């Protein structure tokens, strides 16, 4: 018996493709809104990260209690 026959015999299996499509659609729209509504300065900083040296200011401040050794 083929795998497709097992799927066809299950009741309510048709809802899974619809749910996965909706999850993908919501995620895609969310990422699109993040890019469209995001601050240009933030994306400019991110685009220069691979080329920046360690002397520049970080994007966020370190608020954790962990202190790196040697600093």
C-alpha atoms as a PDB file:
ATOM      1  CA  UNK A   1       0.000   0.000   0.000  1.00  0.00           C
ATOM      2  CA  UNK A   2       1.333   3.409  -0.943  1.00  0.00           C
ATOM      3  CA  UNK A   3       1.787   6.271   1.509  1.00  0.00           C
ATOM      4  CA  UNK A   4      -0.827   8.384  -0.285  1.00  0.00           C
ATOM      5  CA  UNK A   5      -3.422   5.712   0.456  1.00  0.00           C
ATOM      6  CA  UNK A   6      -2.787   6.102   4.186  1.00  0.00           C
ATOM      7  CA  UNK A   7      -3.262   9.861   3.934  1.00  0.00           C
ATOM      8  CA  UNK A   8      -6.470   9.512   1.943  1.00  0.00           C
ATOM      9  CA  UNK A   9      -7.964   7.165   4.533  1.00  0.00           C
ATOM     10  CA  UNK A  10      -7.495   9.667   7.405  1.00  0.00           C
ATOM     11  CA  UNK A  11     -10.471  11.846   8.208  1.00  0.00           C
ATOM     12  CA  UNK A  12      -9.840  15.563   8.473  1.00  0.00           C
ATOM     13  CA  UNK A  13      -6.424  15.375   6.812  1.00  0.00           C
ATOM     14  CA  UNK A  14      -7.406  18.099   4.333  1.00  0.00           C
ATOM     15  CA  UNK A  15      -7.123  20.790   6.997  1.00  0.00           C
ATOM     16  CA  UNK A  16      -3.317  20.461   7.322  1.00  0.00           C
ATOM     17  CA  UNK A  17      -2.426  21.944   3.919  1.00  0.00           C
ATOM     18  CA  UNK A  18      -4.732  24.865   4.631  1.00  0.00           C
ATOM     19  CA  UNK A  19      -3.203  25.465   8.066  1.00  0.00           C
ATOM     20  CA  UNK A  20       0.341  25.315   6.694  1.00  0.00           C
ATOM     21  CA  UNK A  21      -0.574  27.748   3.906  1.00  0.00           C
ATOM     22  CA  UNK A  22      -2.051  30.168   6.440  1.00  0.00           C
ATOM     23  CA  UNK A  23       1.051  29.963   8.678  1.00  0.00           C
ATOM     24  CA  UNK A  24       3.286  30.650   5.682  1.00  0.00           C
ATOM     25  CA  UNK A  25       1.080  33.537   4.538  1.00  0.00           C
ATOM     26  CA  UNK A  26       0.994  35.204   7.976  1.00  0.00           C
ATOM     27  CA  UNK A  27       4.777  34.816   8.369  1.00  0.00           C
ATOM     28  CA  UNK A  28       5.424  36.217   4.872  1.00  0.00           C
ATOM     29  CA  UNK A  29       3.184  39.234   5.509  1.00  0.00           C
ATOM     30  CA  UNK A  30       4.850  39.786   8.916  1.00  0.00           C
ATOM     31  CA  UNK A  31       8.352  39.796   7.430  1.00  0.00           C
ATOM     32  CA  UNK A  32       7.183  42.098   4.646  1.00  0.00           C
ATOM     33  CA  UNK A  33       5.730  44.572   7.141  1.00  0.00           C
ATOM     34  CA  UNK A  34       8.913  44.408   9.224  1.00  0.00           C
ATOM     35  CA  UNK A  35      10.987  45.330   6.186  1.00  0.00           C
ATOM     36  CA  UNK A  36       8.643  48.034   4.901  1.00  0.00           C
ATOM     37  CA  UNK A  37       8.008  49.691   8.267  1.00  0.00           C
ATOM     38  CA  UNK A  38      11.531  49.208   9.659  1.00  0.00           C
ATOM     39  CA  UNK A  39      13.864  52.112  10.317  1.00  0.00           C
ATOM     40  CA  UNK A  40      16.304  52.762   7.510  1.00  0.00           C
ATOM     41  CA  UNK A  41      19.136  53.489   9.973  1.00  0.00           C
ATOM     42  CA  UNK A  42      18.747  50.042  11.528  1.00  0.00           C
ATOM     43  CA  UNK A  43      19.003  48.286   8.166  1.00  0.00           C
ATOM     44  CA  UNK A  44      21.936  50.502   7.136  1.00  0.00           C
ATOM     45  CA  UNK A  45      23.758  49.481  10.307  1.00  0.00           C
ATOM     46  CA  UNK A  46      22.999  45.824   9.669  1.00  0.00           C
ATOM     47  CA  UNK A  47      24.222  46.062   6.092  1.00  0.00           C
ATOM     48  CA  UNK A  48      27.619  47.351   7.246  1.00  0.00           C
ATOM     49  CA  UNK A  49      28.133  44.795  10.017  1.00  0.00           C
ATOM     50  CA  UNK A  50      30.344  42.384   8.055  1.00  0.00           C
ATOM     51  CA  UNK A  51      32.697  45.240   7.157  1.00  0.00           C
ATOM     52  CA  UNK A  52      32.775  47.101  10.473  1.00  0.00           C
ATOM     53  CA  UNK A  53      35.542  46.862  13.008  1.00  0.00           C
ATOM     54  CA  UNK A  54      35.110  46.247  16.746  1.00  0.00           C
ATOM     55  CA  UNK A  55      35.499  49.926  17.706  1.00  0.00           C
ATOM     56  CA  UNK A  56      32.003  50.959  16.622  1.00  0.00           C
ATOM     57  CA  UNK A  57      29.012  51.196  18.940  1.00  0.00           C
ATOM     58  CA  UNK A  58      26.919  48.029  19.234  1.00  0.00           C
ATOM     59  CA  UNK A  59      23.315  47.986  18.032  1.00  0.00           C
ATOM     60  CA  UNK A  60      22.036  47.290  21.538  1.00  0.00           C
ATOM     61  CA  UNK A  61      23.484  47.840  24.949  1.00  0.00           C
ATOM     62  CA  UNK A  62      24.497  44.854  27.016  1.00  0.00           C
ATOM     63  CA  UNK A  63      22.047  44.754  29.901  1.00  0.00           C
ATOM     64  CA  UNK A  64      22.978  41.313  31.174  1.00  0.00           C
ATOM     65  CA  UNK A  65      24.903  40.749  34.386  1.00  0.00           C
ATOM     66  CA  UNK A  66      27.575  38.814  32.517  1.00  0.00           C
ATOM     67  CA  UNK A  67      30.882  40.652  32.136  1.00  0.00           C
ATOM     68  CA  UNK A  68      33.310  39.359  29.538  1.00  0.00           C
ATOM     69  CA  UNK A  69      36.753  38.484  30.868  1.00  0.00           C
ATOM     70  CA  UNK A  70      39.389  41.064  30.010  1.00  0.00           C
ATOM     71  CA  UNK A  71      37.013  43.999  29.680  1.00  0.00           C
END
